[in-house]
Every structure is written in structure tokens, then in C-alpha cells.
PDB file of N, CA and C in Angstrom:
ATOM      1  N   MET A   1      11.998 -15.487  12.649  1.00  0.00           N
ATOM      2  CA  MET A   1      10.746 -14.757  12.680  1.00  0.00           C
ATOM      3  C   MET A   1       9.783 -15.412  11.694  1.00  0.00           C
ATOM      4  N   THR A   2       8.567 -15.487  12.066  1.00  0.00           N
ATOM      5  CA  THR A   2       7.588 -16.093  11.178  1.00  0.00           C
ATOM      6  C   THR A   2       7.241 -15.132  10.049  1.00  0.00           C
ATOM      7  N   THR A   3       6.546 -15.646   9.087  1.00  0.00           N
ATOM      8  CA  THR A   3       6.192 -14.811   7.936  1.00  0.00           C
ATOM      9  C   THR A   3       4.916 -14.020   8.174  1.00  0.00           C
ATOM     10  N   GLY A   4       4.398 -14.007   9.387  1.00  0.00           N
ATOM     11  CA  GLY A   4       3.181 -13.261   9.675  1.00  0.00           C
ATOM     12  C   GLY A   4       3.327 -11.775   9.397  1.00  0.00           C
ATOM     13  N   VAL A   5       4.478 -11.208   9.729  1.00  0.00           N
ATOM     14  CA  VAL A   5       4.717  -9.785   9.484  1.00  0.00           C
ATOM     15  C   VAL A   5       4.697  -9.506   7.988  1.00  0.00           C
ATOM     16  N   ARG A   6       5.261 -10.414   7.233  1.00  0.00           N
ATOM     17  CA  ARG A   6       5.303 -10.254   5.781  1.00  0.00           C
ATOM     18  C   ARG A   6       3.885 -10.181   5.207  1.00  0.00           C
ATOM     19  N   HIS A   7       2.995 -10.996   5.726  1.00  0.00           N
ATOM     20  CA  HIS A   7       1.621 -10.994   5.230  1.00  0.00           C
ATOM     21  C   HIS A   7       0.876  -9.723   5.650  1.00  0.00           C
ATOM     22  N   VAL A   8       1.165  -9.213   6.820  1.00  0.00           N
ATOM     23  CA  VAL A   8       0.540  -7.959   7.253  1.00  0.00           C
ATOM     24  C   VAL A   8       1.007  -6.811   6.362  1.00  0.00           C
ATOM     25  N   TYR A   9       2.298  -6.785   6.048  1.00  0.00           N
ATOM     26  CA  TYR A   9       2.796  -5.788   5.104  1.00  0.00           C
ATOM     27  C   TYR A   9       2.106  -5.937   3.745  1.00  0.00           C
ATOM     28  N   ALA A  10       1.930  -7.169   3.289  1.00  0.00           N
ATOM     29  CA  ALA A  10       1.292  -7.412   1.990  1.00  0.00           C
ATOM     30  C   ALA A  10      -0.145  -6.893   1.977  1.00  0.00           C
ATOM     31  N   VAL A  11      -0.868  -7.071   3.074  1.00  0.00           N
ATOM     32  CA  VAL A  11      -2.239  -6.558   3.158  1.00  0.00           C
ATOM     33  C   VAL A  11      -2.237  -5.034   3.085  1.00  0.00           C
ATOM     34  N   GLY A  12      -1.348  -4.399   3.822  1.00  0.00           N
ATOM     35  CA  GLY A  12      -1.277  -2.939   3.815  1.00  0.00           C
ATOM     36  C   GLY A  12      -0.908  -2.375   2.455  1.00  0.00           C
ATOM     37  N   ILE A  13       0.082  -2.983   1.809  1.00  0.00           N
ATOM     38  CA  ILE A  13       0.486  -2.506   0.484  1.00  0.00           C
ATOM     39  C   ILE A  13      -0.622  -2.774  -0.530  1.00  0.00           C
ATOM     40  N   GLY A  14      -1.295  -3.909  -0.410  1.00  0.00           N
ATOM     41  CA  GLY A  14      -2.407  -4.216  -1.311  1.00  0.00           C
ATOM     42  C   GLY A  14      -3.549  -3.226  -1.168  1.00  0.00           C
ATOM     43  N   LEU A  15      -3.885  -2.864   0.062  1.00  0.00           N
ATOM     44  CA  LEU A  15      -4.930  -1.859   0.283  1.00  0.00           C
ATOM     45  C   LEU A  15      -4.531  -0.516  -0.321  1.00  0.00           C
ATOM     46  N   GLY A  16      -3.278  -0.133  -0.132  1.00  0.00           N
ATOM     47  CA  GLY A  16      -2.794   1.117  -0.708  1.00  0.00           C
ATOM     48  C   GLY A  16      -2.813   1.086  -2.220  1.00  0.00           C
ATOM     49  N   LEU A  17      -2.490  -0.046  -2.800  1.00  0.00           N
ATOM     50  CA  LEU A  17      -2.486  -0.193  -4.245  1.00  0.00           C
ATOM     51  C   LEU A  17      -3.893  -0.057  -4.818  1.00  0.00           C
ATOM     52  N   VAL A  18      -4.846  -0.722  -4.207  1.00  0.00           N
ATOM     53  CA  VAL A  18      -6.239  -0.621  -4.659  1.00  0.00           C
ATOM     54  C   VAL A  18      -6.746   0.811  -4.494  1.00  0.00           C
ATOM     55  N   GLY A  19      -6.432   1.436  -3.378  1.00  0.00           N
ATOM     56  CA  GLY A  19      -6.852   2.821  -3.154  1.00  0.00           C
ATOM     57  C   GLY A  19      -6.219   3.786  -4.124  1.00  0.00           C
ATOM     58  N   SER A  20      -4.974   3.556  -4.466  1.00  0.00           N
ATOM     59  CA  SER A  20      -4.284   4.423  -5.415  1.00  0.00           C
ATOM     60  C   SER A  20      -4.878   4.306  -6.810  1.00  0.00           C
ATOM     61  N   VAL A  21      -5.193   3.099  -7.226  1.00  0.00           N
ATOM     62  CA  VAL A  21      -5.832   2.906  -8.528  1.00  0.00           C
ATOM     63  C   VAL A  21      -7.232   3.529  -8.529  1.00  0.00           C
ATOM     64  N   ALA A  22      -7.957   3.395  -7.429  1.00  0.00           N
ATOM     65  CA  ALA A  22      -9.286   3.998  -7.337  1.00  0.00           C
ATOM     66  C   ALA A  22      -9.201   5.525  -7.372  1.00  0.00           C
ATOM     67  N   ALA A  23      -8.208   6.097  -6.717  1.00  0.00           N
ATOM     68  CA  ALA A  23      -8.039   7.552  -6.750  1.00  0.00           C
ATOM     69  C   ALA A  23      -7.693   8.017  -8.156  1.00  0.00           C
ATOM     70  N   ALA A  24      -6.869   7.265  -8.862  1.00  0.00           N
ATOM     71  CA  ALA A  24      -6.536   7.617 -10.244  1.00  0.00           C
ATOM     72  C   ALA A  24      -7.775   7.536 -11.128  1.00  0.00           C
ATOM     73  N   ALA A  25      -8.595   6.519 -10.920  1.00  0.00           N
ATOM     74  CA  ALA A  25      -9.831   6.402 -11.695  1.00  0.00           C
ATOM     75  C   ALA A  25     -10.782   7.551 -11.376  1.00  0.00           C
ATOM     76  N   GLY A  26     -10.856   7.948 -10.117  1.00  0.00           N
ATOM     77  CA  GLY A  26     -11.708   9.080  -9.744  1.00  0.00           C
ATOM     78  C   GLY A  26     -11.249  10.370 -10.389  1.00  0.00           C
ATOM     79  N   LEU A  27      -9.948  10.579 -10.456  1.00  0.00           N
ATOM     80  CA  LEU A  27      -9.425  11.774 -11.114  1.00  0.00           C
ATOM     81  C   LEU A  27      -9.702  11.737 -12.613  1.00  0.00           C
ATOM     82  N   ALA A  28      -9.583  10.563 -13.215  1.00  0.00           N
ATOM     83  CA  ALA A  28      -9.887  10.449 -14.646  1.00  0.00           C
ATOM     84  C   ALA A  28     -11.366  10.692 -14.898  1.00  0.00           C
ATOM     85  N   LEU A  29     -12.231  10.208 -14.014  1.00  0.00           N
ATOM     86  CA  LEU A  29     -13.669  10.438 -14.164  1.00  0.00           C
ATOM     87  C   LEU A  29     -14.043  11.901 -13.937  1.00  0.00           C
ATOM     88  N   ALA A  30     -13.219  12.608 -13.187  1.00  0.00           N
ATOM     89  CA  ALA A  30     -13.484  14.015 -12.914  1.00  0.00           C
ATOM     90  C   ALA A  30     -13.158  14.893 -14.108  1.00  0.00           C
ATOM     91  N   GLY A  31     -12.641  14.309 -15.168  1.00  0.00           N
ATOM     92  CA  GLY A  31     -12.331  15.088 -16.354  1.00  0.00           C
ATOM     93  C   GLY A  31     -10.873  15.476 -16.444  1.00  0.00           C
ATOM     94  N   SER A  32     -10.037  14.828 -15.695  1.00  0.00           N
ATOM     95  CA  SER A  32      -8.625  15.133 -15.710  1.00  0.00           C
ATOM     96  C   SER A  32      -7.827  13.853 -15.945  1.00  0.00           C
ATOM     97  N   PRO A  33      -7.864  13.341 -17.174  1.00  0.00           N
ATOM     98  CA  PRO A  33      -7.168  12.076 -17.427  1.00  0.00           C
ATOM     99  C   PRO A  33      -5.652  12.173 -17.262  1.00  0.00           C
ATOM    100  N   ALA A  34      -5.077  13.344 -17.509  1.00  0.00           N
ATOM    101  CA  ALA A  34      -3.627  13.492 -17.345  1.00  0.00           C
ATOM    102  C   ALA A  34      -3.245  13.356 -15.871  1.00  0.00           C
ATOM    103  N   THR A  35      -4.003  13.982 -15.000  1.00  0.00           N
ATOM    104  CA  THR A  35      -3.734  13.862 -13.565  1.00  0.00           C
ATOM    105  C   THR A  35      -3.989  12.440 -13.092  1.00  0.00           C
ATOM    106  N   GLY A  36      -5.018  11.806 -13.649  1.00  0.00           N
ATOM    107  CA  GLY A  36      -5.279  10.402 -13.316  1.00  0.00           C
ATOM    108  C   GLY A  36      -4.134   9.515 -13.761  1.00  0.00           C
ATOM    109  N   GLY A  37      -3.548   9.815 -14.909  1.00  0.00           N
ATOM    110  CA  GLY A  37      -2.391   9.057 -15.383  1.00  0.00           C
ATOM    111  C   GLY A  37      -1.184   9.227 -14.483  1.00  0.00           C
ATOM    112  N   VAL A  38      -0.970  10.447 -14.025  1.00  0.00           N
ATOM    113  CA  VAL A  38       0.148  10.699 -13.103  1.00  0.00           C
ATOM    114  C   VAL A  38      -0.094   9.966 -11.785  1.00  0.00           C
ATOM    115  N   ALA A  39      -1.320   9.990 -11.297  1.00  0.00           N
ATOM    116  CA  ALA A  39      -1.640   9.275 -10.059  1.00  0.00           C
ATOM    117  C   ALA A  39      -1.477   7.777 -10.248  1.00  0.00           C
ATOM    118  N   LEU A  40      -1.838   7.274 -11.413  1.00  0.00           N
ATOM    119  CA  LEU A  40      -1.661   5.856 -11.677  1.00  0.00           C
ATOM    120  C   LEU A  40      -0.176   5.498 -11.761  1.00  0.00           C
ATOM    121  N   ALA A  41       0.615   6.382 -12.323  1.00  0.00           N
ATOM    122  CA  ALA A  41       2.057   6.142 -12.406  1.00  0.00           C
ATOM    123  C   ALA A  41       2.701   6.132 -11.016  1.00  0.00           C
ATOM    124  N   SER A  42       2.104   6.826 -10.078  1.00  0.00           N
ATOM    125  CA  SER A  42       2.674   6.852  -8.725  1.00  0.00           C
ATOM    126  C   SER A  42       2.491   5.526  -7.998  1.00  0.00           C
ATOM    127  N   THR A  43       1.673   4.656  -8.528  1.00  0.00           N
ATOM    128  CA  THR A  43       1.495   3.339  -7.908  1.00  0.00           C
ATOM    129  C   THR A  43       2.691   2.423  -8.153  1.00  0.00           C
ATOM    130  N   ILE A  44       3.629   2.857  -8.986  1.00  0.00           N
ATOM    131  CA  ILE A  44       4.815   2.039  -9.268  1.00  0.00           C
ATOM    132  C   ILE A  44       5.581   1.746  -7.974  1.00  0.00           C
ATOM    133  N   GLY A  45       5.658   2.721  -7.098  1.00  0.00           N
ATOM    134  CA  GLY A  45       6.337   2.506  -5.816  1.00  0.00           C
ATOM    135  C   GLY A  45       5.662   1.426  -4.986  1.00  0.00           C
ATOM    136  N   LEU A  46       4.344   1.401  -4.996  1.00  0.00           N
ATOM    137  CA  LEU A  46       3.625   0.364  -4.259  1.00  0.00           C
ATOM    138  C   LEU A  46       3.832  -1.007  -4.899  1.00  0.00           C
ATOM    139  N   VAL A  47       3.833  -1.052  -6.221  1.00  0.00           N
ATOM    140  CA  VAL A  47       4.057  -2.324  -6.907  1.00  0.00           C
ATOM    141  C   VAL A  47       5.458  -2.850  -6.612  1.00  0.00           C
ATOM    142  N   LEU A  48       6.448  -1.975  -6.661  1.00  0.00           N
ATOM    143  CA  LEU A  48       7.819  -2.397  -6.358  1.00  0.00           C
ATOM    144  C   LEU A  48       7.955  -2.865  -4.908  1.00  0.00           C
ATOM    145  N   GLY A  49       7.290  -2.176  -4.007  1.00  0.00           N
ATOM    146  CA  GLY A  49       7.312  -2.597  -2.613  1.00  0.00           C
ATOM    147  C   GLY A  49       6.666  -3.958  -2.423  1.00  0.00           C
ATOM    148  N   PHE A  50       5.591  -4.207  -3.135  1.00  0.00           N
ATOM    149  CA  PHE A  50       4.909  -5.494  -3.046  1.00  0.00           C
ATOM    150  C   PHE A  50       5.764  -6.618  -3.617  1.00  0.00           C
ATOM    151  N   VAL A  51       6.431  -6.337  -4.733  1.00  0.00           N
ATOM    152  CA  VAL A  51       7.272  -7.356  -5.370  1.00  0.00           C
ATOM    153  C   VAL A  51       8.478  -7.697  -4.499  1.00  0.00           C
ATOM    154  N   THR A  52       9.136  -6.688  -3.968  1.00  0.00           N
ATOM    155  CA  THR A  52      10.339  -6.943  -3.173  1.00  0.00           C
ATOM    156  C   THR A  52      10.022  -7.505  -1.790  1.00  0.00           C
ATOM    157  N   LEU A  53       8.788  -7.393  -1.365  1.00  0.00           N
ATOM    158  CA  LEU A  53       8.402  -7.890  -0.042  1.00  0.00           C
ATOM    159  C   LEU A  53       8.661  -9.382   0.089  1.00  0.00           C
ATOM    160  N   PHE A  54       8.409 -10.141  -0.947  1.00  0.00           N
ATOM    161  CA  PHE A  54       8.562 -11.587  -0.856  1.00  0.00           C
ATOM    162  C   PHE A  54       9.947 -12.066  -1.284  1.00  0.00           C
ATOM    163  N   ASN A  55      10.802 -11.158  -1.727  1.00  0.00           N
ATOM    164  CA  ASN A  55      12.171 -11.516  -2.080  1.00  0.00           C
ATOM    165  C   ASN A  55      13.162 -11.237  -0.956  1.00  0.00           C
ATOM    166  N   ARG A  56      12.715 -10.578   0.100  1.00  0.00           N
ATOM    167  CA  ARG A  56      13.612 -10.211   1.194  1.00  0.00           C
ATOM    168  C   ARG A  56      13.818 -11.381   2.134  1.00  0.00           C
ATOM    169  N   GLU A  57      15.048 -11.541   2.575  1.00  0.00           N
ATOM    170  CA  GLU A  57      15.384 -12.631   3.481  1.00  0.00           C
ATOM    171  C   GLU A  57      15.440 -12.187   4.942  1.00  0.00           C
ATOM    172  N   ASP A  58      15.438 -10.898   5.196  1.00  0.00           N
ATOM    173  CA  ASP A  58      15.626 -10.446   6.573  1.00  0.00           C
ATOM    174  C   ASP A  58      14.426 -10.737   7.468  1.00  0.00           C
ATOM    175  N   PHE A  59      13.290 -11.095   6.909  1.00  0.00           N
ATOM    176  CA  PHE A  59      12.158 -11.463   7.753  1.00  0.00           C
ATOM    177  C   PHE A  59      12.389 -12.816   8.422  1.00  0.00           C
ATOM    178  N   ASP A  60      13.205 -13.662   7.820  1.00  0.00           N
ATOM    179  CA  ASP A  60      13.395 -15.012   8.314  1.00  0.00           C
ATOM    180  C   ASP A  60      14.540 -15.144   9.321  1.00  0.00           C
ATOM    181  N   ARG A  61      15.247 -14.074   9.584  1.00  0.00           N
ATOM    182  CA  ARG A  61      16.356 -14.128  10.542  1.00  0.00           C
ATOM    183  C   ARG A  61      15.846 -13.977  11.965  1.00  0.00           C
ATOM    184  N   ASP A  62      16.642 -14.403  12.902  1.00  0.00           N
ATOM    185  CA  ASP A  62      16.285 -14.269  14.314  1.00  0.00           C
ATOM    186  C   ASP A  62      16.826 -12.932  14.813  1.00  0.00           C
ATOM    187  N   HIS A  63      15.937 -11.950  14.959  1.00  0.00           N
ATOM    188  CA  HIS A  63      16.341 -10.607  15.361  1.00  0.00           C
ATOM    189  C   HIS A  63      16.025 -10.370  16.833  1.00  0.00           C
ATOM    190  N   ALA A  64      16.527  -9.254  17.331  1.00  0.00           N
ATOM    191  CA  ALA A  64      16.259  -8.849  18.705  1.00  0.00           C
ATOM    192  C   ALA A  64      14.785  -8.469  18.870  1.00  0.00           C
ATOM    193  N   LEU A  65      14.339  -8.454  20.099  1.00  0.00           N
ATOM    194  CA  LEU A  65      12.945  -8.143  20.395  1.00  0.00           C
ATOM    195  C   LEU A  65      12.581  -6.748  19.912  1.00  0.00           C
ATOM    196  N   ALA A  66      13.454  -5.783  20.097  1.00  0.00           N
ATOM    197  CA  ALA A  66      13.169  -4.407  19.668  1.00  0.00           C
ATOM    198  C   ALA A  66      12.976  -4.345  18.145  1.00  0.00           C
ATOM    199  N   TYR A  67      13.778  -5.071  17.408  1.00  0.00           N
ATOM    200  CA  TYR A  67      13.642  -5.095  15.952  1.00  0.00           C
ATOM    201  C   TYR A  67      12.307  -5.716  15.551  1.00  0.00           C
ATOM    202  N   ARG A  68      11.951  -6.808  16.201  1.00  0.00           N
ATOM    203  CA  ARG A  68      10.680  -7.462  15.865  1.00  0.00           C
ATOM    204  C   ARG A  68       9.489  -6.586  16.208  1.00  0.00           C
ATOM    205  N   LEU A  69       9.550  -5.891  17.342  1.00  0.00           N
ATOM    206  CA  LEU A  69       8.458  -4.980  17.705  1.00  0.00           C
ATOM    207  C   LEU A  69       8.364  -3.819  16.723  1.00  0.00           C
ATOM    208  N   GLY A  70       9.511  -3.277  16.325  1.00  0.00           N
ATOM    209  CA  GLY A  70       9.509  -2.209  15.333  1.00  0.00           C
ATOM    210  C   GLY A  70       8.981  -2.671  13.999  1.00  0.00           C
ATOM    211  N   ASN A  71       9.310  -3.895  13.628  1.00  0.00           N
ATOM    212  CA  ASN A  71       8.828  -4.450  12.369  1.00  0.00           C
ATOM    213  C   ASN A  71       7.309  -4.629  12.402  1.00  0.00           C
ATOM    214  N   TRP A  72       6.784  -5.122  13.511  1.00  0.00           N
ATOM    215  CA  TRP A  72       5.329  -5.243  13.647  1.00  0.00           C
ATOM    216  C   TRP A  72       4.656  -3.869  13.648  1.00  0.00           C
ATOM    217  N   GLY A  73       5.292  -2.903  14.305  1.00  0.00           N
ATOM    218  CA  GLY A  73       4.745  -1.546  14.290  1.00  0.00           C
ATOM    219  C   GLY A  73       4.684  -0.974  12.888  1.00  0.00           C
ATOM    220  N   GLY A  74       5.724  -1.211  12.110  1.00  0.00           N
ATOM    221  CA  GLY A  74       5.733  -0.763  10.728  1.00  0.00           C
ATOM    222  C   GLY A  74       4.671  -1.446   9.901  1.00  0.00           C
ATOM    223  N   ALA A  75       4.444  -2.722  10.162  1.00  0.00           N
ATOM    224  CA  ALA A  75       3.418  -3.457   9.427  1.00  0.00           C
ATOM    225  C   ALA A  75       2.023  -2.922   9.758  1.00  0.00           C
ATOM    226  N   VAL A  76       1.778  -2.654  11.027  1.00  0.00           N
ATOM    227  CA  VAL A  76       0.472  -2.104  11.430  1.00  0.00           C
ATOM    228  C   VAL A  76       0.279  -0.709  10.838  1.00  0.00           C
ATOM    229  N   LEU A  77       1.324   0.103  10.823  1.00  0.00           N
ATOM    230  CA  LEU A  77       1.253   1.430  10.223  1.00  0.00           C
ATOM    231  C   LEU A  77       0.980   1.333   8.724  1.00  0.00           C
ATOM    232  N   THR A  78       1.576   0.360   8.061  1.00  0.00           N
ATOM    233  CA  THR A  78       1.344   0.165   6.637  1.00  0.00           C
ATOM    234  C   THR A  78      -0.120  -0.187   6.370  1.00  0.00           C
ATOM    235  N   VAL A  79      -0.702  -1.023   7.196  1.00  0.00           N
ATOM    236  CA  VAL A  79      -2.120  -1.367   7.039  1.00  0.00           C
ATOM    237  C   VAL A  79      -2.994  -0.141   7.282  1.00  0.00           C
ATOM    238  N   ALA A  80      -2.672   0.645   8.301  1.00  0.00           N
ATOM    239  CA  ALA A  80      -3.463   1.846   8.594  1.00  0.00           C
ATOM    240  C   ALA A  80      -3.403   2.832   7.432  1.00  0.00           C
ATOM    241  N   LEU A  81      -2.219   3.045   6.892  1.00  0.00           N
ATOM    242  CA  LEU A  81      -2.098   3.970   5.755  1.00  0.00           C
ATOM    243  C   LEU A  81      -2.736   3.390   4.498  1.00  0.00           C
ATOM    244  N   GLY A  82      -2.704   2.075   4.346  1.00  0.00           N
ATOM    245  CA  GLY A  82      -3.403   1.440   3.229  1.00  0.00           C
ATOM    246  C   GLY A  82      -4.907   1.657   3.318  1.00  0.00           C
ATOM    247  N   LEU A  83      -5.443   1.563   4.534  1.00  0.00           N
ATOM    248  CA  LEU A  83      -6.875   1.828   4.723  1.00  0.00           C
ATOM    249  C   LEU A  83      -7.222   3.279   4.421  1.00  0.00           C
ATOM    250  N   VAL A  84      -6.345   4.200   4.802  1.00  0.00           N
ATOM    251  CA  VAL A  84      -6.566   5.615   4.489  1.00  0.00           C
ATOM    252  C   VAL A  84      -6.562   5.835   2.981  1.00  0.00           C
ATOM    253  N   MET A  85      -5.608   5.226   2.298  1.00  0.00           N
ATOM    254  CA  MET A  85      -5.546   5.378   0.846  1.00  0.00           C
ATOM    255  C   MET A  85      -6.765   4.764   0.177  1.00  0.00           C
ATOM    256  N   LEU A  86      -7.228   3.631   0.686  1.00  0.00           N
ATOM    257  CA  LEU A  86      -8.440   3.023   0.152  1.00  0.00           C
ATOM    258  C   LEU A  86      -9.644   3.934   0.356  1.00  0.00           C
ATOM    259  N   ALA A  87      -9.746   4.555   1.532  1.00  0.00           N
ATOM    260  CA  ALA A  87     -10.850   5.481   1.795  1.00  0.00           C
ATOM    261  C   ALA A  87     -10.790   6.688   0.866  1.00  0.00           C
ATOM    262  N   VAL A  88      -9.598   7.206   0.612  1.00  0.00           N
ATOM    263  CA  VAL A  88      -9.444   8.333  -0.308  1.00  0.00           C
ATOM    264  C   VAL A  88      -9.853   7.930  -1.716  1.00  0.00           C
ATOM    265  N   GLY A  89      -9.467   6.732  -2.139  1.00  0.00           N
ATOM    266  CA  GLY A  89      -9.826   6.258  -3.471  1.00  0.00           C
ATOM    267  C   GLY A  89     -11.313   6.070  -3.631  1.00  0.00           C
ATOM    268  N   VAL A  90     -11.951   5.463  -2.634  1.00  0.00           N
ATOM    269  CA  VAL A  90     -13.391   5.265  -2.690  1.00  0.00           C
ATOM    270  C   VAL A  90     -14.126   6.602  -2.671  1.00  0.00           C
ATOM    271  N   ALA A  91     -13.671   7.533  -1.833  1.00  0.00           N
ATOM    272  CA  ALA A  91     -14.284   8.858  -1.798  1.00  0.00           C
ATOM    273  C   ALA A  91     -14.119   9.573  -3.137  1.00  0.00           C
ATOM    274  N   SER A  92     -12.996   9.393  -3.773  1.00  0.00           N
ATOM    275  CA  SER A  92     -12.755  10.003  -5.082  1.00  0.00           C
ATOM    276  C   SER A  92     -13.696   9.427  -6.134  1.00  0.00           C
ATOM    277  N   ILE A  93     -13.858   8.130  -6.117  1.00  0.00           N
ATOM    278  CA  ILE A  93     -14.790   7.496  -7.070  1.00  0.00           C
ATOM    279  C   ILE A  93     -16.214   7.971  -6.821  1.00  0.00           C
ATOM    280  N   LEU A  94     -16.624   8.017  -5.568  1.00  0.00           N
ATOM    281  CA  LEU A  94     -18.000   8.438  -5.244  1.00  0.00           C
ATOM    282  C   LEU A  94     -18.237   9.908  -5.567  1.00  0.00           C
ATOM    283  N   ALA A  95     -17.229  10.732  -5.371  1.00  0.00           N
ATOM    284  CA  ALA A  95     -17.389  12.166  -5.606  1.00  0.00           C
ATOM    285  C   ALA A  95     -17.405  12.508  -7.096  1.00  0.00           C
ATOM    286  N   PHE A  96     -16.601  11.805  -7.876  1.00  0.00           N
ATOM    287  CA  PHE A  96     -16.468  12.184  -9.269  1.00  0.00           C
ATOM    288  C   PHE A  96     -17.081  11.189 -10.251  1.00  0.00           C
ATOM    289  N   GLY A  97     -17.513  10.031  -9.749  1.00  0.00           N
ATOM    290  CA  GLY A  97     -18.032   8.999 -10.642  1.00  0.00           C
ATOM    291  C   GLY A  97     -19.453   9.178 -11.036  1.00  0.00           C
TER     292      GLY A  97
END
């Protein structure tokens, strides 16, 4: 399998990471630095996912068609949820900034 799926996952996780940091900043600007800190701490899962994405070897194996389609579906879903998180972060900054 080519590394194209890996890059799509990286884009989705990156969008989610930026959105999560923006949401934490919006909460801190709203006068709730403790909640902003908790939201910032929740980005650890996204960071770990991003780090382990390039250490995994299963993307390079020759899998069945169903597995590859499911993997692409997961990558597209990750990008969609990353865009949602980015929109939430931007809305948070605009609302409270």
C-alpha cells in the first residue's frame, strides 16, 4: 500500500490538533484558564496519534481490498472530524477573543 493514506491521516490529525489548540485558547480568553488548560491537555491523544502514525508498519503491507477501502474511509473520516474540530476552535476564538 502506498503512503498516501498515511498522509491523509496526518492532515486530519493535524487539523484536529490545530483546532484543539484554538479551542483551548478560546476557553482561556473567555476567562477560564483552567478549562483551557484541560482542553489543551486533551490534545495529548492527538499528538500521540500523530507520532505513532509514522512509526506503524502496517500501512506498507499488501492488504485485502476491503482493508484498504476501510483504511481510506477512516482517513477521510479523520479529515472530516479534523475540519469540524478546526471550525469549533476558530468559532471559539472568534466568540471569546
